[in-house]
PDB file of N, CA and C in Angstrom:
ATOM      1  N   MET A   1       0.844  -1.173   0.000  1.00  0.00           N
ATOM      2  CA  MET A   1       0.000   0.000   0.000  1.00  0.00           C
ATOM      3  C   MET A   1       0.895   1.243   0.000  1.00  0.00           C
ATOM      4  N   LYS A   2       0.559   2.226  -0.809  1.00  0.00           N
ATOM      5  CA  LYS A   2       1.296   3.487  -0.857  1.00  0.00           C
ATOM      6  C   LYS A   2       0.435   4.580  -0.246  1.00  0.00           C
ATOM      7  N   ILE A   3       1.071   5.440   0.530  1.00  0.00           N
ATOM      8  CA  ILE A   3       0.367   6.567   1.134  1.00  0.00           C
ATOM      9  C   ILE A   3       1.049   7.845   0.685  1.00  0.00           C
ATOM     10  N   ARG A   4       0.258   8.805   0.241  1.00  0.00           N
ATOM     11  CA  ARG A   4       0.767  10.116  -0.150  1.00  0.00           C
ATOM     12  C   ARG A   4       0.180  11.139   0.816  1.00  0.00           C
ATOM     13  N   PRO A   5       1.010  11.690   1.702  1.00  0.00           N
ATOM     14  CA  PRO A   5       0.511  12.677   2.657  1.00  0.00           C
ATOM     15  C   PRO A   5       0.013  13.933   1.939  1.00  0.00           C
ATOM     16  N   LEU A   6      -0.946  14.602   2.545  1.00  0.00           N
ATOM     17  CA  LEU A   6      -1.503  15.827   1.978  1.00  0.00           C
ATOM     18  C   LEU A   6      -0.918  17.048   2.677  1.00  0.00           C
ATOM     19  N   HIS A   7      -0.905  18.159   1.967  1.00  0.00           N
ATOM     20  CA  HIS A   7      -0.481  19.466   2.473  1.00  0.00           C
ATOM     21  C   HIS A   7       0.898  19.406   3.131  1.00  0.00           C
ATOM     22  N   ASP A   8       0.997  19.784   4.409  1.00  0.00           N
ATOM     23  CA  ASP A   8       2.305  19.850   5.073  1.00  0.00           C
ATOM     24  C   ASP A   8       2.544  18.645   5.976  1.00  0.00           C
ATOM     25  N   ARG A   9       1.949  17.518   5.624  1.00  0.00           N
ATOM     26  CA  ARG A   9       2.115  16.320   6.450  1.00  0.00           C
ATOM     27  C   ARG A   9       3.263  15.452   5.932  1.00  0.00           C
ATOM     28  N   VAL A  10       3.820  14.661   6.863  1.00  0.00           N
ATOM     29  CA  VAL A  10       4.992  13.832   6.574  1.00  0.00           C
ATOM     30  C   VAL A  10       4.720  12.428   7.111  1.00  0.00           C
ATOM     31  N   LEU A  11       5.068  11.396   6.347  1.00  0.00           N
ATOM     32  CA  LEU A  11       4.958  10.010   6.783  1.00  0.00           C
ATOM     33  C   LEU A  11       6.341   9.555   7.243  1.00  0.00           C
ATOM     34  N   VAL A  12       6.435   9.110   8.505  1.00  0.00           N
ATOM     35  CA  VAL A  12       7.712   8.742   9.107  1.00  0.00           C
ATOM     36  C   VAL A  12       7.648   7.301   9.598  1.00  0.00           C
ATOM     37  N   LYS A  13       8.698   6.537   9.300  1.00  0.00           N
ATOM     38  CA  LYS A  13       8.834   5.181   9.839  1.00  0.00           C
ATOM     39  C   LYS A  13       9.705   5.288  11.086  1.00  0.00           C
ATOM     40  N   ARG A  14       9.149   4.885  12.220  1.00  0.00           N
ATOM     41  CA  ARG A  14       9.888   4.973  13.478  1.00  0.00           C
ATOM     42  C   ARG A  14      11.115   4.085  13.461  1.00  0.00           C
ATOM     43  N   SER A  15      12.171   4.543  14.139  1.00  0.00           N
ATOM     44  CA  SER A  15      13.364   3.719  14.324  1.00  0.00           C
ATOM     45  C   SER A  15      13.038   2.614  15.310  1.00  0.00           C
ATOM     46  N   GLU A  16      13.797   1.537  15.247  1.00  0.00           N
ATOM     47  CA  GLU A  16      13.596   0.433  16.182  1.00  0.00           C
ATOM     48  C   GLU A  16      14.036   0.850  17.577  1.00  0.00           C
ATOM     49  N   GLY A  17      13.297   0.427  18.587  1.00  0.00           N
ATOM     50  CA  GLY A  17      13.659   0.707  19.966  1.00  0.00           C
ATOM     51  C   GLY A  17      14.822  -0.155  20.409  1.00  0.00           C
ATOM     52  N   GLU A  18      15.454   0.261  21.477  1.00  0.00           N
ATOM     53  CA  GLU A  18      16.597  -0.479  22.011  1.00  0.00           C
ATOM     54  C   GLU A  18      16.139  -1.811  22.599  1.00  0.00           C
ATOM     55  N   GLU A  19      16.874  -2.868  22.318  1.00  0.00           N
ATOM     56  CA  GLU A  19      16.596  -4.200  22.858  1.00  0.00           C
ATOM     57  C   GLU A  19      17.298  -4.412  24.194  1.00  0.00           C
ATOM     58  N   LYS A  20      18.487  -3.788  24.334  1.00  0.00           N
ATOM     59  CA  LYS A  20      19.282  -3.954  25.551  1.00  0.00           C
ATOM     60  C   LYS A  20      19.727  -2.593  26.065  1.00  0.00           C
ATOM     61  N   THR A  21      20.003  -2.543  27.360  1.00  0.00           N
ATOM     62  CA  THR A  21      20.600  -1.348  27.933  1.00  0.00           C
ATOM     63  C   THR A  21      22.097  -1.383  27.665  1.00  0.00           C
ATOM     64  N   LYS A  22      22.796  -0.294  27.978  1.00  0.00           N
ATOM     65  CA  LYS A  22      24.247  -0.247  27.767  1.00  0.00           C
ATOM     66  C   LYS A  22      24.964  -1.262  28.647  1.00  0.00           C
ATOM     67  N   SER A  23      24.359  -1.608  29.783  1.00  0.00           N
ATOM     68  CA  SER A  23      24.985  -2.583  30.674  1.00  0.00           C
ATOM     69  C   SER A  23      24.682  -4.027  30.279  1.00  0.00           C
ATOM     70  N   GLY A  24      23.838  -4.227  29.246  1.00  0.00           N
ATOM     71  CA  GLY A  24      23.590  -5.573  28.742  1.00  0.00           C
ATOM     72  C   GLY A  24      22.276  -6.198  29.187  1.00  0.00           C
ATOM     73  N   LEU A  25      21.455  -5.475  29.947  1.00  0.00           N
ATOM     74  CA  LEU A  25      20.155  -6.013  30.373  1.00  0.00           C
ATOM     75  C   LEU A  25      19.154  -5.894  29.237  1.00  0.00           C
ATOM     76  N   TYR A  26      18.346  -6.944  29.045  1.00  0.00           N
ATOM     77  CA  TYR A  26      17.321  -6.916  28.012  1.00  0.00           C
ATOM     78  C   TYR A  26      16.094  -6.182  28.515  1.00  0.00           C
ATOM     79  N   ILE A  27      15.512  -5.346  27.652  1.00  0.00           N
ATOM     80  CA  ILE A  27      14.325  -4.578  27.998  1.00  0.00           C
ATOM     81  C   ILE A  27      13.100  -5.327  27.486  1.00  0.00           C
ATOM     82  N   PRO A  28      12.128  -5.640  28.363  1.00  0.00           N
ATOM     83  CA  PRO A  28      10.916  -6.312  27.879  1.00  0.00           C
ATOM     84  C   PRO A  28      10.091  -5.373  26.998  1.00  0.00           C
ATOM     85  N   THR A  29       9.328  -5.939  26.077  1.00  0.00           N
ATOM     86  CA  THR A  29       8.565  -5.118  25.137  1.00  0.00           C
ATOM     87  C   THR A  29       7.557  -4.216  25.836  1.00  0.00           C
ATOM     88  N   THR A  30       7.050  -4.633  26.992  1.00  0.00           N
ATOM     89  CA  THR A  30       6.083  -3.803  27.705  1.00  0.00           C
ATOM     90  C   THR A  30       6.725  -2.578  28.332  1.00  0.00           C
ATOM     91  N   ALA A  31       8.025  -2.599  28.570  1.00  0.00           N
ATOM     92  CA  ALA A  31       8.713  -1.480  29.212  1.00  0.00           C
ATOM     93  C   ALA A  31       9.402  -0.559  28.202  1.00  0.00           C
ATOM     94  N   LYS A  32       9.415  -0.938  26.928  1.00  0.00           N
ATOM     95  CA  LYS A  32      10.095  -0.124  25.917  1.00  0.00           C
ATOM     96  C   LYS A  32       9.315   1.152  25.653  1.00  0.00           C
ATOM     97  N   GLU A  33      10.047   2.236  25.481  1.00  0.00           N
ATOM     98  CA  GLU A  33       9.435   3.484  25.040  1.00  0.00           C
ATOM     99  C   GLU A  33       9.551   3.559  23.531  1.00  0.00           C
ATOM    100  N   LYS A  34       8.552   4.143  22.894  1.00  0.00           N
ATOM    101  CA  LYS A  34       8.624   4.316  21.449  1.00  0.00           C
ATOM    102  C   LYS A  34       9.680   5.372  21.154  1.00  0.00           C
ATOM    103  N   PRO A  35      10.564   5.105  20.215  1.00  0.00           N
ATOM    104  CA  PRO A  35      11.597   6.087  19.904  1.00  0.00           C
ATOM    105  C   PRO A  35      10.994   7.345  19.287  1.00  0.00           C
ATOM    106  N   ALA A  36      11.613   8.487  19.559  1.00  0.00           N
ATOM    107  CA  ALA A  36      11.163   9.768  19.022  1.00  0.00           C
ATOM    108  C   ALA A  36      12.042  10.160  17.840  1.00  0.00           C
ATOM    109  N   LYS A  37      12.452   9.156  17.065  1.00  0.00           N
ATOM    110  CA  LYS A  37      13.321   9.360  15.913  1.00  0.00           C
ATOM    111  C   LYS A  37      12.855   8.433  14.813  1.00  0.00           C
ATOM    112  N   GLY A  38      12.941   8.878  13.570  1.00  0.00           N
ATOM    113  CA  GLY A  38      12.533   8.027  12.470  1.00  0.00           C
ATOM    114  C   GLY A  38      12.987   8.569  11.135  1.00  0.00           C
ATOM    115  N   GLU A  39      12.697   7.781  10.090  1.00  0.00           N
ATOM    116  CA  GLU A  39      13.085   8.146   8.731  1.00  0.00           C
ATOM    117  C   GLU A  39      11.864   8.591   7.946  1.00  0.00           C
ATOM    118  N   VAL A  40      12.000   9.686   7.213  1.00  0.00           N
ATOM    119  CA  VAL A  40      10.912  10.212   6.388  1.00  0.00           C
ATOM    120  C   VAL A  40      10.722   9.286   5.190  1.00  0.00           C
ATOM    121  N   VAL A  41       9.491   8.789   5.026  1.00  0.00           N
ATOM    122  CA  VAL A  41       9.162   7.868   3.939  1.00  0.00           C
ATOM    123  C   VAL A  41       8.472   8.608   2.789  1.00  0.00           C
ATOM    124  N   ALA A  42       7.625   9.587   3.125  1.00  0.00           N
ATOM    125  CA  ALA A  42       6.905  10.354   2.103  1.00  0.00           C
ATOM    126  C   ALA A  42       6.583  11.736   2.660  1.00  0.00           C
ATOM    127  N   VAL A  43       6.503  12.720   1.771  1.00  0.00           N
ATOM    128  CA  VAL A  43       6.157  14.087   2.174  1.00  0.00           C
ATOM    129  C   VAL A  43       5.035  14.610   1.294  1.00  0.00           C
ATOM    130  N   GLY A  44       4.247  15.509   1.845  1.00  0.00           N
ATOM    131  CA  GLY A  44       3.181  16.149   1.088  1.00  0.00           C
ATOM    132  C   GLY A  44       3.740  17.259   0.206  1.00  0.00           C
ATOM    133  N   PRO A  45       2.888  17.856  -0.629  1.00  0.00           N
ATOM    134  CA  PRO A  45       3.343  18.899  -1.552  1.00  0.00           C
ATOM    135  C   PRO A  45       3.659  20.230  -0.878  1.00  0.00           C
ATOM    136  N   GLY A  46       3.179  20.447   0.324  1.00  0.00           N
ATOM    137  CA  GLY A  46       3.426  21.703   1.029  1.00  0.00           C
ATOM    138  C   GLY A  46       2.130  22.424   1.345  1.00  0.00           C
ATOM    139  N   LYS A  47       2.238  23.388   2.217  1.00  0.00           N
ATOM    140  CA  LYS A  47       1.083  24.160   2.678  1.00  0.00           C
ATOM    141  C   LYS A  47       0.824  25.323   1.720  1.00  0.00           C
ATOM    142  N   LEU A  48      -0.447  25.681   1.563  1.00  0.00           N
ATOM    143  CA  LEU A  48      -0.809  26.845   0.762  1.00  0.00           C
ATOM    144  C   LEU A  48      -0.681  28.097   1.621  1.00  0.00           C
ATOM    145  N   ASP A  49      -0.036  29.132   1.076  1.00  0.00           N
ATOM    146  CA  ASP A  49       0.070  30.385   1.818  1.00  0.00           C
ATOM    147  C   ASP A  49      -1.132  31.273   1.496  1.00  0.00           C
ATOM    148  N   ASP A  50      -1.119  32.517   1.964  1.00  0.00           N
ATOM    149  CA  ASP A  50      -2.247  33.437   1.777  1.00  0.00           C
ATOM    150  C   ASP A  50      -2.485  33.801   0.314  1.00  0.00           C
ATOM    151  N   LYS A  51      -1.446  33.708  -0.494  1.00  0.00           N
ATOM    152  CA  LYS A  51      -1.566  34.044  -1.922  1.00  0.00           C
ATOM    153  C   LYS A  51      -1.986  32.840  -2.761  1.00  0.00           C
ATOM    154  N   GLY A  52      -2.128  31.668  -2.143  1.00  0.00           N
ATOM    155  CA  GLY A  52      -2.515  30.465  -2.867  1.00  0.00           C
ATOM    156  C   GLY A  52      -1.346  29.711  -3.463  1.00  0.00           C
ATOM    157  N   GLU A  53      -0.130  30.060  -3.076  1.00  0.00           N
ATOM    158  CA  GLU A  53       1.057  29.386  -3.587  1.00  0.00           C
ATOM    159  C   GLU A  53       1.538  28.356  -2.577  1.00  0.00           C
ATOM    160  N   ARG A  54       2.113  27.266  -3.072  1.00  0.00           N
ATOM    161  CA  ARG A  54       2.620  26.188  -2.208  1.00  0.00           C
ATOM    162  C   ARG A  54       3.961  26.574  -1.594  1.00  0.00           C
ATOM    163  N   THR A  55       4.096  26.327  -0.311  1.00  0.00           N
ATOM    164  CA  THR A  55       5.364  26.494   0.381  1.00  0.00           C
ATOM    165  C   THR A  55       5.968  25.107   0.526  1.00  0.00           C
ATOM    166  N   PRO A  56       7.105  24.832  -0.127  1.00  0.00           N
ATOM    167  CA  PRO A  56       7.672  23.481  -0.052  1.00  0.00           C
ATOM    168  C   PRO A  56       8.145  23.133   1.349  1.00  0.00           C
ATOM    169  N   LEU A  57       8.149  21.847   1.670  1.00  0.00           N
ATOM    170  CA  LEU A  57       8.586  21.386   2.983  1.00  0.00           C
ATOM    171  C   LEU A  57      10.103  21.418   3.088  1.00  0.00           C
ATOM    172  N   GLN A  58      10.604  21.544   4.316  1.00  0.00           N
ATOM    173  CA  GLN A  58      12.040  21.598   4.543  1.00  0.00           C
ATOM    174  C   GLN A  58      12.652  20.214   4.711  1.00  0.00           C
ATOM    175  N   VAL A  59      11.829  19.175   4.860  1.00  0.00           N
ATOM    176  CA  VAL A  59      12.341  17.812   4.988  1.00  0.00           C
ATOM    177  C   VAL A  59      12.123  17.073   3.676  1.00  0.00           C
ATOM    178  N   GLU A  60      12.959  16.081   3.439  1.00  0.00           N
ATOM    179  CA  GLU A  60      12.879  15.286   2.211  1.00  0.00           C
ATOM    180  C   GLU A  60      12.814  13.806   2.568  1.00  0.00           C
ATOM    181  N   VAL A  61      12.399  13.001   1.613  1.00  0.00           N
ATOM    182  CA  VAL A  61      12.381  11.557   1.798  1.00  0.00           C
ATOM    183  C   VAL A  61      13.808  11.094   2.078  1.00  0.00           C
ATOM    184  N   GLY A  62      13.969  10.262   3.109  1.00  0.00           N
ATOM    185  CA  GLY A  62      15.282   9.747   3.480  1.00  0.00           C
ATOM    186  C   GLY A  62      15.909  10.477   4.658  1.00  0.00           C
ATOM    187  N   ASP A  63      15.390  11.656   5.027  1.00  0.00           N
ATOM    188  CA  ASP A  63      15.910  12.388   6.189  1.00  0.00           C
ATOM    189  C   ASP A  63      15.587  11.642   7.479  1.00  0.00           C
ATOM    190  N   THR A  64      16.485  11.704   8.442  1.00  0.00           N
ATOM    191  CA  THR A  64      16.228  11.182   9.779  1.00  0.00           C
ATOM    192  C   THR A  64      15.800  12.360  10.633  1.00  0.00           C
ATOM    193  N   VAL A  65      14.612  12.256  11.241  1.00  0.00           N
ATOM    194  CA  VAL A  65      14.046  13.381  11.985  1.00  0.00           C
ATOM    195  C   VAL A  65      13.764  13.011  13.433  1.00  0.00           C
ATOM    196  N   LEU A  66      13.687  14.033  14.272  1.00  0.00           N
ATOM    197  CA  LEU A  66      13.313  13.894  15.671  1.00  0.00           C
ATOM    198  C   LEU A  66      11.951  14.556  15.853  1.00  0.00           C
ATOM    199  N   PHE A  67      11.104  13.954  16.674  1.00  0.00           N
ATOM    200  CA  PHE A  67       9.768  14.503  16.907  1.00  0.00           C
ATOM    201  C   PHE A  67       9.385  14.288  18.359  1.00  0.00           C
ATOM    202  N   GLY A  68       8.350  14.985  18.807  1.00  0.00           N
ATOM    203  CA  GLY A  68       7.895  14.894  20.183  1.00  0.00           C
ATOM    204  C   GLY A  68       7.278  13.545  20.506  1.00  0.00           C
ATOM    205  N   LYS A  69       7.233  13.239  21.786  1.00  0.00           N
ATOM    206  CA  LYS A  69       6.727  11.947  22.258  1.00  0.00           C
ATOM    207  C   LYS A  69       5.271  11.704  21.864  1.00  0.00           C
ATOM    208  N   TYR A  70       4.457  12.741  21.901  1.00  0.00           N
ATOM    209  CA  TYR A  70       3.034  12.587  21.597  1.00  0.00           C
ATOM    210  C   TYR A  70       2.645  13.216  20.260  1.00  0.00           C
ATOM    211  N   ALA A  71       3.601  13.439  19.381  1.00  0.00           N
ATOM    212  CA  ALA A  71       3.337  14.080  18.091  1.00  0.00           C
ATOM    213  C   ALA A  71       2.713  13.093  17.109  1.00  0.00           C
ATOM    214  N   GLY A  72       1.892  13.616  16.228  1.00  0.00           N
ATOM    215  CA  GLY A  72       1.364  12.845  15.114  1.00  0.00           C
ATOM    216  C   GLY A  72       0.345  11.785  15.463  1.00  0.00           C
ATOM    217  N   THR A  73       0.027  10.966  14.461  1.00  0.00           N
ATOM    218  CA  THR A  73      -0.943   9.886  14.569  1.00  0.00           C
ATOM    219  C   THR A  73      -0.282   8.586  14.137  1.00  0.00           C
ATOM    220  N   ASP A  74      -0.352   7.563  14.991  1.00  0.00           N
ATOM    221  CA  ASP A  74       0.223   6.258  14.666  1.00  0.00           C
ATOM    222  C   ASP A  74      -0.683   5.513  13.698  1.00  0.00           C
ATOM    223  N   ILE A  75      -0.077   4.921  12.659  1.00  0.00           N
ATOM    224  CA  ILE A  75      -0.807   4.080  11.710  1.00  0.00           C
ATOM    225  C   ILE A  75       0.058   2.876  11.373  1.00  0.00           C
ATOM    226  N   LYS A  76      -0.554   1.835  10.820  1.00  0.00           N
ATOM    227  CA  LYS A  76       0.188   0.669  10.336  1.00  0.00           C
ATOM    228  C   LYS A  76       0.044   0.605   8.823  1.00  0.00           C
ATOM    229  N   VAL A  77       1.186   0.473   8.144  1.00  0.00           N
ATOM    230  CA  VAL A  77       1.216   0.336   6.690  1.00  0.00           C
ATOM    231  C   VAL A  77       1.899  -0.988   6.398  1.00  0.00           C
ATOM    232  N   ASP A  78       1.157  -1.926   5.836  1.00  0.00           N
ATOM    233  CA  ASP A  78       1.674  -3.264   5.539  1.00  0.00           C
ATOM    234  C   ASP A  78       2.289  -3.920   6.776  1.00  0.00           C
ATOM    235  N   GLY A  79       1.660  -3.727   7.936  1.00  0.00           N
ATOM    236  CA  GLY A  79       2.104  -4.352   9.175  1.00  0.00           C
ATOM    237  C   GLY A  79       3.256  -3.646   9.877  1.00  0.00           C
ATOM    238  N   VAL A  80       3.724  -2.523   9.342  1.00  0.00           N
ATOM    239  CA  VAL A  80       4.835  -1.775   9.946  1.00  0.00           C
ATOM    240  C   VAL A  80       4.291  -0.465  10.514  1.00  0.00           C
ATOM    241  N   GLU A  81       4.704  -0.144  11.752  1.00  0.00           N
ATOM    242  CA  GLU A  81       4.226   1.083  12.388  1.00  0.00           C
ATOM    243  C   GLU A  81       4.856   2.311  11.750  1.00  0.00           C
ATOM    244  N   HIS A  82       4.012   3.281  11.418  1.00  0.00           N
ATOM    245  CA  HIS A  82       4.438   4.561  10.871  1.00  0.00           C
ATOM    246  C   HIS A  82       3.749   5.668  11.662  1.00  0.00           C
ATOM    247  N   LEU A  83       4.135   6.877  11.380  1.00  0.00           N
ATOM    248  CA  LEU A  83       3.582   8.043  12.054  1.00  0.00           C
ATOM    249  C   LEU A  83       3.318   9.105  10.997  1.00  0.00           C
ATOM    250  N   ILE A  84       2.120   9.694  11.016  1.00  0.00           N
ATOM    251  CA  ILE A  84       1.825  10.835  10.148  1.00  0.00           C
ATOM    252  C   ILE A  84       1.797  12.065  11.037  1.00  0.00           C
ATOM    253  N   LEU A  85       2.618  13.059  10.681  1.00  0.00           N
ATOM    254  CA  LEU A  85       2.646  14.275  11.476  1.00  0.00           C
ATOM    255  C   LEU A  85       2.841  15.488  10.598  1.00  0.00           C
ATOM    256  N   ARG A  86       2.504  16.654  11.141  1.00  0.00           N
ATOM    257  CA  ARG A  86       2.701  17.907  10.427  1.00  0.00           C
ATOM    258  C   ARG A  86       4.171  18.281  10.483  1.00  0.00           C
ATOM    259  N   GLU A  87       4.605  19.049   9.504  1.00  0.00           N
ATOM    260  CA  GLU A  87       6.001  19.457   9.478  1.00  0.00           C
ATOM    261  C   GLU A  87       6.376  20.256  10.723  1.00  0.00           C
ATOM    262  N   ASP A  88       5.459  21.059  11.254  1.00  0.00           N
ATOM    263  CA  ASP A  88       5.789  21.857  12.441  1.00  0.00           C
ATOM    264  C   ASP A  88       5.891  21.029  13.715  1.00  0.00           C
ATOM    265  N   GLU A  89       5.506  19.734  13.669  1.00  0.00           N
ATOM    266  CA  GLU A  89       5.687  18.842  14.823  1.00  0.00           C
ATOM    267  C   GLU A  89       7.081  18.198  14.833  1.00  0.00           C
ATOM    268  N   ILE A  90       7.821  18.355  13.731  1.00  0.00           N
ATOM    269  CA  ILE A  90       9.175  17.832  13.652  1.00  0.00           C
ATOM    270  C   ILE A  90      10.099  18.804  14.372  1.00  0.00           C
ATOM    271  N   LEU A  91      10.880  18.279  15.299  1.00  0.00           N
ATOM    272  CA  LEU A  91      11.760  19.113  16.122  1.00  0.00           C
ATOM    273  C   LEU A  91      13.084  19.402  15.433  1.00  0.00           C
ATOM    274  N   GLY A  92      13.573  18.472  14.624  1.00  0.00           N
ATOM    275  CA  GLY A  92      14.844  18.694  13.951  1.00  0.00           C
ATOM    276  C   GLY A  92      15.188  17.556  13.016  1.00  0.00           C
ATOM    277  N   VAL A  93      16.181  17.806  12.163  1.00  0.00           N
ATOM    278  CA  VAL A  93      16.689  16.813  11.221  1.00  0.00           C
ATOM    279  C   VAL A  93      18.088  16.416  11.687  1.00  0.00           C
ATOM    280  N   VAL A  94      18.351  15.113  11.764  1.00  0.00           N
ATOM    281  CA  VAL A  94      19.655  14.619  12.181  1.00  0.00           C
ATOM    282  C   VAL A  94      20.602  14.708  10.989  1.00  0.00           C
ATOM    283  N   GLU A  95      21.671  15.485  11.147  1.00  0.00           N
ATOM    284  CA  GLU A  95      22.670  15.625  10.082  1.00  0.00           C
ATOM    285  C   GLU A  95      23.657  14.478  10.170  1.00  0.00           C
ATOM    286  N   LYS A  96      24.081  13.959   9.036  1.00  0.00           N
ATOM    287  CA  LYS A  96      25.014  12.834   9.022  1.00  0.00           C
ATOM    288  C   LYS A  96      26.419  13.300   8.776  1.00  0.00           C
TER     289      LYS A  96
END
C-alpha cells in the first residue's frame, strides 16, 4: 500500500527501539518506550500560503528526523508502524 501525505504532512517510519541497555540487560517489550526518531518515507506537496502558492517542505524523503513523544498519529502500513505528522511537529533533522 502506498500513502501520499496531503499538504504539510509527513509520513515517518519509526526507528527500532533499544533491545538492551548499555549494561547488557534486556528490555521487555512492555517497558520499551517508542523512539522519538525516524526516517521520512513520504512528504506532502506543502502548505498553501495566503496568496494560494505552495510552500515546499524543509524535509525530504530519506531524512532522519526527531519529533515529540506525543506528536502525530500512529498508523500501520503493511504491518509496519508509521507516524503521520505535520512538518511543524518535527523538532529537527539529524545531520550525518
